[in-house]
Protein backbone atom coordinates (compact mmCIF):
# COMPACT_ATOMS: atom_id res chain seq x y z
CA UNK A 1 -23.05 -94.28 1.76
CA UNK A 2 -25.51 -94.92 4.56
CA UNK A 3 -27.89 -92.09 5.47
CA UNK A 4 -26.36 -91.70 8.94
CA UNK A 5 -22.82 -91.55 7.57
CA UNK A 6 -23.94 -89.12 4.82
CA UNK A 7 -25.53 -86.71 7.32
CA UNK A 8 -22.36 -86.71 9.44
CA UNK A 9 -20.21 -86.12 6.37
CA UNK A 10 -22.55 -83.26 5.23
CA UNK A 11 -22.32 -81.59 8.65
CA UNK A 12 -18.50 -81.69 8.53
CA UNK A 13 -18.47 -80.30 4.98
CA UNK A 14 -20.90 -77.50 5.98
CA UNK A 15 -18.76 -76.47 8.95
CA UNK A 16 -15.65 -76.45 6.80
CA UNK A 17 -17.44 -74.50 4.00
CA UNK A 18 -18.60 -71.80 6.42
CA UNK A 19 -15.01 -71.27 7.59
CA UNK A 20 -13.82 -70.42 4.05
CA UNK A 21 -13.40 -66.95 2.60
CA UNK A 22 -15.83 -65.76 -0.10
CA UNK A 23 -13.20 -66.42 -2.76
CA UNK A 24 -12.61 -69.94 -1.45
CA UNK A 25 -16.39 -70.58 -1.34
CA UNK A 26 -16.68 -69.51 -4.98
CA UNK A 27 -13.79 -71.80 -6.04
CA UNK A 28 -15.39 -74.70 -4.15
CA UNK A 29 -18.74 -74.14 -5.87
CA UNK A 30 -17.05 -73.89 -9.26
CA UNK A 31 -15.31 -77.22 -8.63
CA UNK A 32 -18.52 -78.91 -7.50
CA UNK A 33 -20.39 -77.58 -10.56
CA UNK A 34 -17.69 -78.98 -12.83
CA UNK A 35 -18.22 -82.40 -11.22
CA UNK A 36 -22.03 -82.24 -11.58
CA UNK A 37 -24.10 -83.94 -14.25
CA UNK A 38 -27.25 -82.80 -16.01
CA UNK A 39 -29.57 -83.84 -13.15
CA UNK A 40 -27.57 -81.85 -10.61
CA UNK A 41 -27.30 -78.76 -12.84
CA UNK A 42 -31.07 -78.75 -13.52
CA UNK A 43 -31.73 -79.05 -9.79
CA UNK A 44 -29.32 -76.19 -9.12
CA UNK A 45 -30.94 -73.97 -11.77
CA UNK A 46 -34.46 -74.48 -10.43
CA UNK A 47 -33.50 -73.72 -6.85
CA UNK A 48 -31.34 -70.69 -7.69
CA UNK A 49 -34.33 -68.99 -9.39
CA UNK A 50 -36.37 -69.30 -6.19
CA UNK A 51 -33.47 -68.32 -3.89
CA UNK A 52 -32.66 -65.15 -5.85
CA UNK A 53 -36.26 -63.82 -5.70
CA UNK A 54 -37.14 -61.38 -2.90
CA UNK A 55 -40.72 -60.40 -2.09
CA UNK A 56 -40.04 -56.76 -1.27
CA UNK A 57 -43.67 -56.06 -0.26
CA UNK A 58 -43.43 -58.86 2.28
CA UNK A 59 -39.96 -58.01 3.58
CA UNK A 60 -40.12 -54.19 3.68
CA UNK A 61 -41.83 -52.16 6.42
CA UNK A 62 -45.32 -51.09 5.34
CA UNK A 63 -44.34 -47.39 5.15
CA UNK A 64 -41.52 -48.16 2.67
CA UNK A 65 -43.83 -50.39 0.64
CA UNK A 66 -46.34 -47.53 0.35
CA UNK A 67 -43.57 -45.17 -0.74
CA UNK A 68 -42.49 -47.55 -3.52
CA UNK A 69 -46.07 -48.19 -4.65
CA UNK A 70 -46.61 -44.46 -5.25
CA UNK A 71 -44.24 -44.68 -8.21
CA UNK A 72 -46.41 -47.23 -10.03
CA UNK A 73 -49.31 -46.30 -12.27
CA UNK A 74 -52.74 -47.59 -11.16
CA UNK A 75 -53.08 -50.09 -13.99
CA UNK A 76 -49.78 -51.72 -13.01
CA UNK A 77 -50.91 -51.83 -9.39
CA UNK A 78 -54.12 -53.58 -10.36
CA UNK A 79 -52.01 -56.19 -12.16
CA UNK A 80 -49.75 -56.51 -9.10
CA UNK A 81 -52.84 -57.22 -6.97
CA UNK A 82 -53.07 -60.53 -8.81
CA UNK A 83 -49.58 -61.70 -7.75
CA UNK A 84 -50.61 -62.96 -4.32
CA UNK A 85 -53.04 -62.38 -1.47
CA UNK A 86 -50.26 -60.58 0.43
CA UNK A 87 -49.60 -58.20 -2.46
CA UNK A 88 -53.30 -57.52 -2.90
CA UNK A 89 -53.65 -56.79 0.81
CA UNK A 90 -50.69 -54.35 0.90
CA UNK A 91 -51.58 -52.56 -2.35
CA UNK A 92 -55.26 -52.26 -1.43
CA UNK A 93 -54.27 -50.74 1.94
CA UNK A 94 -52.37 -47.82 0.39
CA UNK A 95 -54.95 -45.00 0.66
CA UNK A 96 -52.75 -42.30 -0.86
CA UNK A 97 -52.09 -44.34 -4.01
CA UNK A 98 -55.78 -44.72 -4.84
CA UNK A 99 -56.68 -41.17 -3.83
CA UNK A 100 -53.97 -39.84 -6.14
CA UNK A 101 -55.17 -42.11 -8.94
CA UNK A 102 -58.71 -40.75 -8.56
CA UNK A 103 -57.46 -37.14 -8.54
CA UNK A 104 -55.51 -37.73 -11.73
CA UNK A 105 -58.75 -38.84 -13.39
CA UNK A 106 -60.41 -35.58 -12.35
CA UNK A 107 -62.39 -37.01 -9.44
CA UNK A 108 -63.20 -35.18 -6.22
CA UNK A 109 -61.55 -36.59 -3.11
CA UNK A 110 -62.87 -36.35 0.43
CA UNK A 111 -59.65 -36.61 2.43
CA UNK A 112 -61.60 -37.33 5.62
CA UNK A 113 -62.43 -40.81 4.29
CA UNK A 114 -59.38 -42.94 5.07
CA UNK A 115 -60.73 -46.39 4.26
CA UNK A 116 -58.25 -47.62 1.61
CA UNK A 117 -60.59 -50.26 0.22
CA UNK A 118 -63.16 -47.51 -0.36
CA UNK A 119 -60.72 -45.56 -2.53
CA UNK A 120 -59.69 -48.62 -4.53
CA UNK A 121 -63.37 -49.23 -5.28
CA UNK A 122 -63.86 -45.56 -6.16
CA UNK A 123 -60.93 -45.78 -8.58
CA UNK A 124 -62.34 -48.87 -10.26
CA UNK A 125 -65.67 -47.08 -10.63
CA UNK A 126 -63.88 -43.96 -11.91
CA UNK A 127 -61.85 -45.80 -14.51
CA UNK A 128 -65.01 -47.41 -15.86
CA UNK A 129 -66.80 -44.04 -16.16
CA UNK A 130 -63.78 -42.39 -17.80
CA UNK A 131 -63.56 -45.26 -20.28
CA UNK A 132 -67.24 -44.79 -21.08
CA UNK A 133 -66.59 -41.09 -21.71
CA UNK A 134 -63.61 -41.86 -23.94
CA UNK A 135 -65.63 -44.45 -25.87
CA UNK A 136 -68.62 -42.06 -26.16
CA UNK A 137 -70.83 -44.45 -24.19
CA UNK A 138 -71.46 -42.50 -20.96
CA UNK A 139 -74.81 -40.95 -21.91
CA UNK A 140 -78.27 -41.87 -23.10
CA UNK A 141 -81.11 -39.80 -24.55
CA UNK A 142 -84.76 -39.15 -23.83
CA UNK A 143 -87.53 -36.73 -24.87
CA UNK A 144 -90.22 -34.66 -23.17
CA UNK A 145 -93.40 -34.23 -25.20
CA UNK A 146 -96.27 -31.91 -24.29
CA UNK A 147 -95.95 -28.47 -25.88
CA UNK A 148 -97.84 -27.57 -29.07
CA UNK A 149 -95.55 -24.75 -30.24
CA UNK A 150 -91.91 -23.76 -30.16
CA UNK A 151 -90.14 -24.14 -26.82
CA UNK A 152 -87.72 -21.27 -26.33
CA UNK A 153 -87.10 -20.98 -22.57
CA UNK A 154 -85.44 -23.65 -20.43
CA UNK A 155 -84.26 -23.66 -16.82
CA UNK A 156 -83.03 -26.62 -14.73
CA UNK A 157 -82.74 -27.02 -10.96
CA UNK A 158 -82.60 -30.00 -8.58
CA UNK A 159 -83.86 -32.62 -11.01
CA UNK A 160 -86.66 -30.41 -12.36
CA UNK A 161 -86.78 -28.82 -15.81
CA UNK A 162 -88.96 -25.82 -16.61
CA UNK A 163 -89.96 -25.16 -20.23
CA UNK A 164 -91.61 -22.02 -21.60
CA UNK A 165 -93.31 -22.13 -24.99
CA UNK A 166 -94.95 -20.02 -27.67
CA UNK A 167 -98.12 -22.01 -26.91
CA UNK A 168 -98.54 -19.57 -23.97
CA UNK A 169 -97.71 -22.15 -21.33
CA UNK A 170 -94.92 -23.16 -18.99
CA UNK A 171 -94.42 -26.69 -17.75
CA UNK A 172 -92.38 -28.18 -14.92
CA UNK A 173 -90.99 -31.67 -15.56
CA UNK A 174 -89.43 -34.34 -13.36
CA UNK A 175 -86.45 -35.32 -15.52
CA UNK A 176 -85.99 -38.73 -13.86
CA UNK A 177 -89.52 -39.87 -14.72
CA UNK A 178 -90.34 -37.62 -17.70
CA UNK A 179 -93.60 -36.64 -16.01
CA UNK A 180 -95.08 -33.13 -16.14
CA UNK A 181 -95.63 -31.93 -12.55
CA UNK A 182 -97.20 -28.54 -13.28
CA UNK A 183 -98.54 -26.85 -16.38
CA UNK A 184 -99.75 -23.25 -16.23
CA UNK A 185 -100.98 -20.69 -18.77
CA UNK A 186 -98.52 -17.82 -19.27
CA UNK A 187 -97.42 -15.37 -21.96
CA UNK A 188 -94.79 -16.18 -24.60
CA UNK A 189 -91.66 -17.11 -22.66
CA UNK A 190 -88.18 -15.98 -23.68
CA UNK A 191 -86.68 -16.74 -20.24
CA UNK A 192 -87.76 -18.69 -17.15
CA UNK A 193 -86.47 -19.24 -13.62
CA UNK A 194 -88.26 -21.00 -10.77
CA UNK A 195 -88.17 -22.23 -7.20
CA UNK A 196 -90.52 -24.42 -5.14
CA UNK A 197 -93.33 -21.83 -5.00
CA UNK A 198 -92.98 -19.53 -7.98
CA UNK A 199 -92.04 -19.16 -11.62
CA UNK A 200 -90.57 -15.96 -13.08
CA UNK A 201 -90.87 -15.46 -16.83
CA UNK A 202 -89.39 -12.94 -19.25
CA UNK A 203 -91.48 -12.53 -22.37
CA UNK A 204 -91.42 -11.45 -25.99
CA UNK A 205 -94.31 -9.14 -24.98
CA UNK A 206 -91.70 -6.90 -23.23
CA UNK A 207 -92.81 -7.77 -19.69
CA UNK A 208 -91.73 -9.95 -16.78
CA UNK A 209 -94.24 -11.91 -14.73
CA UNK A 210 -94.25 -13.95 -11.53
CA UNK A 211 -96.57 -16.96 -11.26
CA UNK A 212 -97.63 -19.33 -8.50
CA UNK A 213 -97.10 -22.99 -9.40
CA UNK A 214 -99.85 -24.44 -7.26
CA UNK A 215 -102.65 -22.26 -8.63
CA UNK A 216 -101.20 -20.91 -11.87
CA UNK A 217 -102.08 -17.38 -10.72
CA UNK A 218 -100.04 -14.39 -11.83
CA UNK A 219 -98.81 -12.78 -8.60
CA UNK A 220 -96.78 -9.93 -10.10
CA UNK A 221 -96.40 -8.19 -13.47
CA UNK A 222 -93.31 -6.10 -14.23
CA UNK A 223 -93.94 -3.54 -16.99
CA UNK A 224 -91.42 -1.04 -18.32
CA UNK A 225 -89.20 -2.59 -20.98
CA UNK A 226 -89.75 -1.53 -24.58
CA UNK A 227 -88.25 -4.70 -26.04
CA UNK A 228 -88.39 -8.47 -25.48
CA UNK A 229 -87.00 -9.69 -22.15
CA UNK A 230 -84.34 -12.32 -22.89
CA UNK A 231 -83.00 -13.05 -19.41
CA UNK A 232 -84.17 -12.86 -15.80
CA UNK A 233 -82.66 -13.56 -12.40
CA UNK A 234 -83.84 -12.89 -8.88
CA UNK A 235 -82.87 -13.11 -5.22
CA UNK A 236 -85.47 -13.50 -2.48
CA UNK A 237 -83.07 -12.35 0.24
CA UNK A 238 -82.55 -9.01 -1.50
CA UNK A 239 -86.16 -8.87 -2.76
CA UNK A 240 -84.69 -8.01 -6.16
CA UNK A 241 -85.39 -9.17 -9.69
CA UNK A 242 -83.22 -8.19 -12.67
CA UNK A 243 -84.10 -8.40 -16.35
CA UNK A 244 -82.12 -7.96 -19.59
CA UNK A 245 -83.94 -6.76 -22.67
CA UNK A 246 -83.79 -6.08 -26.41
CA UNK A 247 -84.24 -2.38 -25.50
CA UNK A 248 -80.49 -2.39 -24.52
CA UNK A 249 -81.26 -1.93 -20.80
CA UNK A 250 -81.14 -3.88 -17.56
CA UNK A 251 -83.91 -3.19 -15.09
CA UNK A 252 -83.77 -3.78 -11.34
CA UNK A 253 -87.16 -4.48 -9.77
CA UNK A 254 -88.57 -5.00 -6.27
CA UNK A 255 -89.56 -8.66 -6.50
CA UNK A 256 -92.44 -8.40 -4.02
CA UNK A 257 -94.10 -5.23 -5.36
CA UNK A 258 -93.15 -5.12 -9.05
CA UNK A 259 -91.75 -1.60 -8.68
CA UNK A 260 -88.87 -0.66 -10.98
CA UNK A 261 -86.01 0.45 -8.73
CA UNK A 262 -83.47 1.32 -11.39
CA UNK A 263 -82.75 1.14 -15.11
CA UNK A 264 -79.13 0.38 -15.96
CA UNK A 265 -77.98 1.82 -19.28
CA UNK A 266 -74.79 1.59 -21.28
CA UNK A 267 -75.38 -1.44 -23.48
CA UNK A 268 -75.63 -0.77 -27.22
CA UNK A 269 -76.95 -4.23 -28.16
CA UNK A 270 -79.65 -6.59 -26.90
CA UNK A 271 -78.94 -7.67 -23.31
CA UNK A 272 -79.14 -11.44 -23.66
CA UNK A 273 -77.93 -12.52 -20.22
CA UNK A 274 -78.17 -11.26 -16.63
CA UNK A 275 -76.68 -13.09 -13.64
CA UNK A 276 -77.01 -12.28 -9.92
CA UNK A 277 -74.27 -13.86 -7.82
CA UNK A 278 -72.41 -13.38 -4.54
CA UNK A 279 -68.80 -12.31 -4.90
CA UNK A 280 -66.27 -14.80 -3.49
CA UNK A 281 -63.04 -12.78 -3.88
CA UNK A 282 -61.74 -9.45 -2.62
CA UNK A 283 -60.70 -6.53 -4.80
CA UNK A 284 -60.65 -2.75 -4.64
CA UNK A 285 -64.22 -2.67 -5.95
CA UNK A 286 -65.92 -5.49 -4.03
CA UNK A 287 -65.57 -7.88 -1.09
CA UNK A 288 -66.60 -11.49 -0.50
CA UNK A 289 -70.34 -11.64 0.17
CA UNK A 290 -71.21 -8.60 -1.96
CA UNK A 291 -73.92 -9.17 -4.53
CA UNK A 292 -72.82 -8.64 -8.11
CA UNK A 293 -74.88 -8.29 -11.27
CA UNK A 294 -73.41 -9.28 -14.63
CA UNK A 295 -75.14 -8.25 -17.86
CA UNK A 296 -73.97 -9.31 -21.31
CA UNK A 297 -74.73 -8.26 -24.85
CA UNK A 298 -73.25 -9.26 -28.20
CA UNK A 299 -69.90 -7.58 -27.53
CA UNK A 300 -69.60 -6.63 -23.85
CA UNK A 301 -70.02 -7.91 -20.30
CA UNK A 302 -70.84 -5.23 -17.73
CA UNK A 303 -70.29 -5.65 -13.98
CA UNK A 304 -72.56 -3.85 -11.52
CA UNK A 305 -72.69 -3.73 -7.69
CA UNK A 306 -76.14 -4.68 -6.46
CA UNK A 307 -77.91 -4.73 -3.12
CA UNK A 308 -80.66 -2.97 -1.29
CA UNK A 309 -79.52 0.41 -2.62
CA UNK A 310 -81.36 1.71 -5.66
CA UNK A 311 -78.56 3.34 -7.63
CA UNK A 312 -75.45 1.61 -8.87
CA UNK A 313 -72.74 2.39 -11.41
CA UNK A 314 -70.95 0.01 -13.73
CA UNK A 315 -67.71 -1.22 -12.14
CA UNK A 316 -66.10 -2.52 -15.31
CA UNK A 317 -66.85 -3.46 -18.91
CA UNK A 318 -65.18 -6.56 -20.36
CA UNK A 319 -64.78 -7.41 -24.05
CA UNK A 320 -62.53 -9.54 -26.25
CA UNK A 321 -62.02 -6.99 -29.06
CA UNK A 322 -61.93 -3.20 -28.81
CA UNK A 323 -63.16 -2.72 -32.37
CA UNK A 324 -66.13 -5.07 -31.81
CA UNK A 325 -64.91 -7.37 -34.55
CA UNK A 326 -65.43 -10.42 -32.30
CA UNK A 327 -68.82 -11.11 -30.75
CA UNK A 328 -69.57 -12.93 -27.50
CA UNK A 329 -71.95 -15.85 -27.28
CA UNK A 330 -74.96 -15.42 -24.96
CA UNK A 331 -74.13 -18.22 -22.51
CA UNK A 332 -72.16 -16.82 -19.57
CA UNK A 333 -70.55 -18.48 -16.53
CA UNK A 334 -70.01 -16.57 -13.28
CA UNK A 335 -69.39 -18.35 -9.97
CA UNK A 336 -68.19 -15.41 -7.88
CA UNK A 337 -64.51 -16.06 -8.67
CA UNK A 338 -64.30 -16.34 -12.45
CA UNK A 339 -66.19 -15.05 -15.46
CA UNK A 340 -66.17 -17.29 -18.52
CA UNK A 341 -67.63 -16.60 -21.94
CA UNK A 342 -67.01 -18.03 -25.40
CA UNK A 343 -66.40 -16.28 -28.70
CA UNK A 344 -65.10 -17.15 -32.15
CA UNK A 345 -61.56 -16.66 -30.76
CA UNK A 346 -61.99 -19.20 -27.99
CA UNK A 347 -63.10 -19.58 -24.41
CA UNK A 348 -62.19 -16.54 -22.28
CA UNK A 349 -61.69 -16.81 -18.52
CA UNK A 350 -61.42 -13.63 -16.44
CA UNK A 351 -60.24 -13.41 -12.82
CA UNK A 352 -62.98 -11.56 -10.95
CA UNK A 353 -60.57 -10.12 -8.37
CA UNK A 354 -58.43 -8.30 -10.97
CA UNK A 355 -60.63 -8.45 -14.11
CA UNK A 356 -57.56 -9.77 -15.95
CA UNK A 357 -57.89 -12.46 -18.60
CA UNK A 358 -56.41 -15.62 -17.05
CA UNK A 359 -56.43 -17.69 -20.22
CA UNK A 360 -57.94 -18.17 -23.64
CA UNK A 361 -58.75 -21.80 -24.45
CA UNK A 362 -58.71 -22.69 -28.13
CA UNK A 363 -59.69 -26.28 -28.87
CA UNK A 364 -59.70 -27.45 -32.49
CA UNK A 365 -62.26 -25.71 -34.71
CA UNK A 366 -63.42 -23.53 -31.84
CA UNK A 367 -65.20 -21.08 -34.16
CA UNK A 368 -68.34 -23.20 -33.94
CA UNK A 369 -68.10 -24.39 -30.32
CA UNK A 370 -70.18 -22.75 -27.57
CA UNK A 371 -69.99 -22.80 -23.77
CA UNK A 372 -72.59 -24.65 -21.69
CA UNK A 373 -70.89 -25.17 -18.34
CA UNK A 374 -67.50 -24.47 -16.75
CA UNK A 375 -65.99 -26.01 -13.60
CA UNK A 376 -62.67 -26.56 -11.87
CA UNK A 377 -61.89 -29.74 -13.83
CA UNK A 378 -64.24 -30.02 -16.82
CA UNK A 379 -66.07 -27.77 -19.26
CA UNK A 380 -69.21 -28.71 -21.18
CA UNK A 381 -69.31 -27.41 -24.78
CA UNK A 382 -71.40 -28.00 -27.89
CA UNK A 383 -71.67 -27.20 -31.59
CA UNK A 384 -74.10 -28.07 -34.37
CA UNK A 385 -73.25 -31.78 -34.23
CA UNK A 386 -71.82 -32.79 -30.86
CA UNK A 387 -71.80 -32.26 -27.12
CA UNK A 388 -68.19 -32.09 -25.85
CA UNK A 389 -66.44 -32.56 -22.52
CA UNK A 390 -63.09 -30.81 -22.10
CA UNK A 391 -60.49 -31.52 -19.41
CA UNK A 392 -59.54 -27.97 -18.39
CA UNK A 393 -56.20 -29.15 -16.93
CA UNK A 394 -54.99 -30.20 -20.38
CA UNK A 395 -57.46 -28.17 -22.49
CA UNK A 396 -58.14 -31.34 -24.49
CA UNK A 397 -61.52 -32.70 -25.54
CA UNK A 398 -61.97 -36.07 -23.82
CA UNK A 399 -65.47 -37.03 -24.94
CA UNK A 400 -68.22 -36.18 -27.38
CA UNK A 401 -71.85 -37.15 -27.86
CA UNK A 402 -73.88 -36.76 -31.08
CA UNK A 403 -76.72 -34.25 -31.09
CA UNK A 404 -79.81 -34.36 -33.30
CA UNK A 405 -80.83 -31.64 -35.76
CA UNK A 406 -82.15 -29.26 -33.15
CA UNK A 407 -84.32 -26.24 -33.86
CA UNK A 408 -82.77 -23.27 -35.66
CA UNK A 409 -84.69 -20.03 -36.06
CA UNK A 410 -84.18 -16.28 -36.30
CA UNK A 411 -84.68 -16.05 -32.55
CA UNK A 412 -82.24 -18.87 -31.98
CA UNK A 413 -82.68 -22.03 -29.95
CA UNK A 414 -82.57 -22.71 -26.26
CA UNK A 415 -79.76 -24.89 -24.90
CA UNK A 416 -79.19 -25.84 -21.32
CA UNK A 417 -76.65 -27.65 -19.16
CA UNK A 418 -78.18 -29.87 -16.48
CA UNK A 419 -76.37 -30.99 -13.33
CA UNK A 420 -73.19 -28.94 -12.93
CA UNK A 421 -71.41 -30.23 -9.82
CA UNK A 422 -69.53 -32.93 -11.77
CA UNK A 423 -67.71 -30.18 -13.70
CA UNK A 424 -65.72 -29.57 -10.48
CA UNK A 425 -64.76 -33.25 -10.45
CA UNK A 426 -66.66 -36.51 -10.60
CA UNK A 427 -67.15 -38.34 -7.30
CA UNK A 428 -69.15 -41.45 -8.14
CA UNK A 429 -72.47 -39.89 -7.10
CA UNK A 430 -72.76 -36.69 -9.16
CA UNK A 431 -72.58 -38.38 -12.57
CA UNK A 432 -76.35 -38.89 -12.66
CA UNK A 433 -79.31 -37.03 -14.08
CA UNK A 434 -79.51 -34.40 -16.80
CA UNK A 435 -76.43 -33.38 -18.79
CA UNK A 436 -77.95 -31.30 -21.61
CA UNK A 437 -81.34 -30.23 -22.98
CA UNK A 438 -82.43 -28.46 -26.16
CA UNK A 439 -85.69 -27.68 -27.96
CA UNK A 440 -86.54 -29.60 -31.13
CA UNK A 441 -88.44 -28.69 -34.36
CA UNK A 442 -91.36 -30.90 -33.31
CA UNK A 443 -91.75 -28.86 -30.05
CA UNK A 444 -90.34 -31.68 -27.91
CA UNK A 445 -87.35 -31.37 -25.56
CA UNK A 446 -84.30 -33.52 -26.34
CA UNK A 447 -82.50 -34.67 -23.18
CA UNK A 448 -79.00 -36.09 -22.77
CA UNK A 449 -78.68 -38.02 -19.49
CA UNK A 450 -75.91 -39.81 -17.64
CA UNK A 451 -76.14 -43.55 -18.22
CA UNK A 452 -76.30 -45.59 -15.03
CA UNK A 453 -73.06 -47.23 -13.92
CA UNK A 454 -72.44 -50.70 -15.29
């Protein structure tokens, strides 16, 4: 049949076919298929596969596409990005999908940033870091060498690490470079805390001292304890310094004059930790903005109101066992909303508004695991062999890092968490710097640091 005659015949057939009912169209197709040979059937099969496919991301309105994409897991979406340029463009433009994916990994989200490509990149960065944590490859180690005797006191702030030693010195180190910035002669240090101008030390000689970094001069000496001072904290705004001692007392001092304002009694064991912090919740006993002092011994945590007034009475005493059969570990977390402390029974979290125990976290073999840091998403823990990261949403350990044989002595060893903001959620910038530090038998400081992103 000539091409012209065939086209006319095909037009007539098409018009007639369109006038048929669906049942008649099906019968016609069945008849034509029965008359077809292998070449025609193969042609029909290949074209039917294409005709039956529908690109829903291309055909649907963008809002409906975003709604459907929210039901896919991120790994599937990354695979879908490879289907076509159109799919990659639509999937990459869905801000909520990638923000949710980041949140599920425990990452902080700034909702004000609405650039979808930014959040896809953040997710890719997040998934790499979380894989490194899972594979125990997120950290690296370093050492600080300079002391000639046991290092007992450690304090970290803003990239700087202060170390106090039995060699009667304190040193300030830049963690990023490993360089010693200041080194001053002191007494034996059991506790240290510093800022840009000064260093405050609690000593095994039963005193507290304040030193000037730039000159090394002792600017204040606080005398009055009859036992070693294991913990110090201070607040320039209040002009107050607090100290916890082996004499079972907490002393409140005027920071500028060295005068003892008050001695807080009630502890029956060494006071190993004192913390000054602003309250962030309201209760019958305190309001947001009030200054609170926490003091802890082997069995109890005492809560005191603090301010410019001299006298204060204990608001509440917390413990995990009435018969003192379970002891508390000396590391204590208090952020103004929650109090967290570890014991052989597990990790205890108290609500500061009600003083009720919110939960007790018991990871495997918790009897040997101690608290280092506690946030909204992660907790940092350690034992004799490993540093651990726990996801507090699932209470599962998600990473560990081997620790060396650190110093053990009758007085114990000093352990320290470094940067803490990432415990409230990683964000791609806060997973840098110091993670953990501890003193070693050779008087060096062992550092665990975040490894740079690959």
